[in-house]
Amino acid sequence: MIGFVMVGTNNLNKATKFYDTLLDTIELQRVVTNEKYAGFASIEKPDEVEFYVTNPANKDKATFGNGTQISFLVSSKDLVNNFYNTGIKLGGKDEGAPGIRSGDYYCYFRDLDGNKICAFAKIDN
């Protein structure tokens, strides 16, 4: 149902470097870059961009949405842990260390522009 997700940034170069490293932990790679945005796709489907980081088209300052969250479904608790630790190491701000919530395994942090990012893994019951 969702075609792709896009978050805004005020420093495309810094954000691109942040997401290059972070998204590599969950096997997403940058497949398009220009002066306006960077797009990331899975290694298996490089033609299907799933995530963009972009300068706002209206040239105003990028802001995060209050209540907005971008969540990546991953295949294991280890990937959640690695994603979180990488995000924090890259300068992300903690919003909830990895742990079980609502029966599954989640982590939360904010990226360099304040966008709330989550990774989670389903836990087989």
C-alpha atoms as a PDB file:
ATOM      1  CA  MET A   1       0.000   0.000   0.000  1.00  0.00           C
ATOM      2  CA  ILE A   2       2.828   2.460   0.770  1.00  0.00           C
ATOM      3  CA  GLY A   3       4.990   3.275  -2.242  1.00  0.00           C
ATOM      4  CA  PHE A   4       7.888   4.927  -0.398  1.00  0.00           C
ATOM      5  CA  VAL A   5       8.731   7.063   2.634  1.00  0.00           C
ATOM      6  CA  MET A   6      10.445  10.457   2.547  1.00  0.00           C
ATOM      7  CA  VAL A   7      11.974  12.510   5.375  1.00  0.00           C
ATOM      8  CA  GLY A   8      13.267  16.044   5.157  1.00  0.00           C
ATOM      9  CA  THR A   9      16.727  17.284   6.017  1.00  0.00           C
ATOM     10  CA  ASN A  10      18.493  20.605   6.415  1.00  0.00           C
ATOM     11  CA  ASN A  11      21.860  19.134   5.450  1.00  0.00           C
ATOM     12  CA  LEU A  12      21.568  16.604   2.636  1.00  0.00           C
ATOM     13  CA  ASN A  13      25.256  15.664   2.684  1.00  0.00           C
ATOM     14  CA  LYS A  14      25.268  14.871   6.425  1.00  0.00           C
ATOM     15  CA  ALA A  15      21.925  13.084   6.230  1.00  0.00           C
ATOM     16  CA  THR A  16      23.039  11.012   3.236  1.00  0.00           C
ATOM     17  CA  LYS A  17      26.175   9.866   5.058  1.00  0.00           C
ATOM     18  CA  PHE A  18      24.089   9.075   8.173  1.00  0.00           C
ATOM     19  CA  TYR A  19      21.595   6.978   6.189  1.00  0.00           C
ATOM     20  CA  ASP A  20      24.276   5.321   4.030  1.00  0.00           C
ATOM     21  CA  THR A  21      25.739   3.755   7.162  1.00  0.00           C
ATOM     22  CA  LEU A  22      22.485   3.232   9.072  1.00  0.00           C
ATOM     23  CA  LEU A  23      20.473   1.637   6.274  1.00  0.00           C
ATOM     24  CA  ASP A  24      23.354  -0.612   5.293  1.00  0.00           C
ATOM     25  CA  THR A  25      22.696  -2.450   8.600  1.00  0.00           C
ATOM     26  CA  ILE A  26      19.325  -3.566   7.213  1.00  0.00           C
ATOM     27  CA  GLU A  27      20.513  -4.164   3.640  1.00  0.00           C
ATOM     28  CA  LEU A  28      19.200  -0.978   2.058  1.00  0.00           C
ATOM     29  CA  GLN A  29      21.610   0.845  -0.223  1.00  0.00           C
ATOM     30  CA  ARG A  30      21.651   4.274  -1.843  1.00  0.00           C
ATOM     31  CA  VAL A  31      20.648   3.915  -5.488  1.00  0.00           C
ATOM     32  CA  VAL A  32      20.023   7.526  -6.516  1.00  0.00           C
ATOM     33  CA  THR A  33      21.623  10.818  -5.503  1.00  0.00           C
ATOM     34  CA  ASN A  34      21.204  14.333  -6.812  1.00  0.00           C
ATOM     35  CA  GLU A  35      21.251  17.870  -5.426  1.00  0.00           C
ATOM     36  CA  LYS A  36      17.705  17.493  -4.054  1.00  0.00           C
ATOM     37  CA  TYR A  37      17.520  13.994  -2.539  1.00  0.00           C
ATOM     38  CA  ALA A  38      19.024  10.560  -1.966  1.00  0.00           C
ATOM     39  CA  GLY A  39      17.004   7.380  -2.485  1.00  0.00           C
ATOM     40  CA  PHE A  40      17.555   3.962  -0.900  1.00  0.00           C
ATOM     41  CA  ALA A  41      16.379   0.522  -2.024  1.00  0.00           C
ATOM     42  CA  SER A  42      16.866  -3.063  -0.953  1.00  0.00           C
ATOM     43  CA  ILE A  43      19.838  -4.929  -2.347  1.00  0.00           C
ATOM     44  CA  GLU A  44      17.423  -7.450  -3.914  1.00  0.00           C
ATOM     45  CA  LYS A  45      15.276  -4.763  -5.607  1.00  0.00           C
ATOM     46  CA  PRO A  46      17.547  -1.812  -6.453  1.00  0.00           C
ATOM     47  CA  ASP A  47      15.005  -0.323  -8.894  1.00  0.00           C
ATOM     48  CA  GLU A  48      12.343   0.009  -6.169  1.00  0.00           C
ATOM     49  CA  VAL A  49      13.249   2.984  -3.969  1.00  0.00           C
ATOM     50  CA  GLU A  50      11.682   2.585  -0.526  1.00  0.00           C
ATOM     51  CA  PHE A  51      13.160   5.523   1.394  1.00  0.00           C
ATOM     52  CA  TYR A  52      14.218   9.054   0.476  1.00  0.00           C
ATOM     53  CA  VAL A  53      15.959  11.803   2.411  1.00  0.00           C
ATOM     54  CA  THR A  54      15.356  15.184   0.781  1.00  0.00           C
ATOM     55  CA  ASN A  55      15.708  18.918   0.909  1.00  0.00           C
ATOM     56  CA  PRO A  56      12.198  20.406   1.224  1.00  0.00           C
ATOM     57  CA  ALA A  57      10.823  21.304  -2.211  1.00  0.00           C
ATOM     58  CA  ASN A  58       9.426  24.611  -0.907  1.00  0.00           C
ATOM     59  CA  LYS A  59      12.922  25.668   0.269  1.00  0.00           C
ATOM     60  CA  ASP A  60      11.675  26.156   3.861  1.00  0.00           C
ATOM     61  CA  LYS A  61      13.474  24.566   6.803  1.00  0.00           C
ATOM     62  CA  ALA A  62      12.864  20.813   7.162  1.00  0.00           C
ATOM     63  CA  THR A  63      10.996  19.911  10.343  1.00  0.00           C
ATOM     64  CA  PHE A  64       9.904  16.604  11.805  1.00  0.00           C
ATOM     65  CA  GLY A  65       6.276  15.720  12.343  1.00  0.00           C
ATOM     66  CA  ASN A  66       5.046  15.488  15.918  1.00  0.00           C
ATOM     67  CA  GLY A  67       3.663  11.966  16.131  1.00  0.00           C
ATOM     68  CA  THR A  68       5.311  10.909  12.865  1.00  0.00           C
ATOM     69  CA  GLN A  69       7.521   7.817  12.891  1.00  0.00           C
ATOM     70  CA  ILE A  70       9.294   5.849  10.178  1.00  0.00           C
ATOM     71  CA  SER A  71       9.469   2.125  11.018  1.00  0.00           C
ATOM     72  CA  PHE A  72      11.589  -0.525   9.328  1.00  0.00           C
ATOM     73  CA  LEU A  73      10.565  -4.181   9.683  1.00  0.00           C
ATOM     74  CA  VAL A  74      13.675  -6.348   9.996  1.00  0.00           C
ATOM     75  CA  SER A  75      14.162 -10.074  10.367  1.00  0.00           C
ATOM     76  CA  SER A  76      15.830 -10.386  13.783  1.00  0.00           C
ATOM     77  CA  LYS A  77      16.457  -8.878  17.195  1.00  0.00           C
ATOM     78  CA  ASP A  78      20.162  -8.707  16.292  1.00  0.00           C
ATOM     79  CA  LEU A  79      19.347  -6.432  13.346  1.00  0.00           C
ATOM     80  CA  VAL A  80      17.242  -4.204  15.610  1.00  0.00           C
ATOM     81  CA  ASN A  81      20.148  -3.969  18.059  1.00  0.00           C
ATOM     82  CA  ASN A  82      22.663  -3.202  15.301  1.00  0.00           C
ATOM     83  CA  PHE A  83      20.365  -0.625  13.707  1.00  0.00           C
ATOM     84  CA  TYR A  84      19.861   1.156  17.037  1.00  0.00           C
ATOM     85  CA  ASN A  85      23.536   1.069  18.048  1.00  0.00           C
ATOM     86  CA  THR A  86      24.581   2.355  14.625  1.00  0.00           C
ATOM     87  CA  GLY A  87      22.010   5.151  14.723  1.00  0.00           C
ATOM     88  CA  ILE A  88      23.164   6.302  18.159  1.00  0.00           C
ATOM     89  CA  LYS A  89      26.851   6.045  17.192  1.00  0.00           C
ATOM     90  CA  LEU A  90      26.147   8.239  14.135  1.00  0.00           C
ATOM     91  CA  GLY A  91      24.657  10.978  16.319  1.00  0.00           C
ATOM     92  CA  GLY A  92      21.027   9.909  16.603  1.00  0.00           C
ATOM     93  CA  LYS A  93      19.186  10.691  19.854  1.00  0.00           C
ATOM     94  CA  ASP A  94      17.741   7.846  21.932  1.00  0.00           C
ATOM     95  CA  GLU A  95      13.942   7.545  22.015  1.00  0.00           C
ATOM     96  CA  GLY A  96      13.813   3.965  23.354  1.00  0.00           C
ATOM     97  CA  ALA A  97      16.533   1.338  23.526  1.00  0.00           C
ATOM     98  CA  PRO A  98      15.904  -2.087  21.970  1.00  0.00           C
ATOM     99  CA  GLY A  99      13.413  -4.200  23.883  1.00  0.00           C
ATOM    100  CA  ILE A 100      10.111  -6.036  23.804  1.00  0.00           C
ATOM    101  CA  ARG A 101       7.085  -3.814  23.366  1.00  0.00           C
ATOM    102  CA  SER A 102       3.591  -4.960  22.439  1.00  0.00           C
ATOM    103  CA  GLY A 103       4.899  -8.499  21.972  1.00  0.00           C
ATOM    104  CA  ASP A 104       7.590  -7.672  19.397  1.00  0.00           C
ATOM    105  CA  TYR A 105      11.139  -6.253  19.559  1.00  0.00           C
ATOM    106  CA  TYR A 106      11.554  -2.507  18.898  1.00  0.00           C
ATOM    107  CA  CYS A 107      14.052   0.351  19.061  1.00  0.00           C
ATOM    108  CA  TYR A 108      13.582   4.076  18.567  1.00  0.00           C
ATOM    109  CA  PHE A 109      15.818   7.088  17.977  1.00  0.00           C
ATOM    110  CA  ARG A 110      15.775  10.440  16.210  1.00  0.00           C
ATOM    111  CA  ASP A 111      17.993  11.117  13.211  1.00  0.00           C
ATOM    112  CA  LEU A 112      20.158  14.225  12.782  1.00  0.00           C
ATOM    113  CA  ASP A 113      17.102  16.314  11.794  1.00  0.00           C
ATOM    114  CA  GLY A 114      14.825  15.009  14.564  1.00  0.00           C
ATOM    115  CA  ASN A 115      12.861  12.481  12.480  1.00  0.00           C
ATOM    116  CA  LYS A 116      11.751   9.561  14.666  1.00  0.00           C
ATOM    117  CA  ILE A 117      13.102   6.275  13.325  1.00  0.00           C
ATOM    118  CA  CYS A 118      12.172   2.758  14.474  1.00  0.00           C
ATOM    119  CA  ALA A 119      13.285  -0.755  13.644  1.00  0.00           C
ATOM    120  CA  PHE A 120      11.328  -3.768  14.814  1.00  0.00           C
ATOM    121  CA  ALA A 121      11.320  -7.523  14.498  1.00  0.00           C
ATOM    122  CA  LYS A 122       8.347  -9.814  14.916  1.00  0.00           C
ATOM    123  CA  ILE A 123       8.827 -12.343  17.670  1.00  0.00           C
ATOM    124  CA  ASP A 124       7.388 -15.774  17.026  1.00  0.00           C
ATOM    125  CA  ASN A 125       5.121 -16.786  19.886  1.00  0.00           C
END
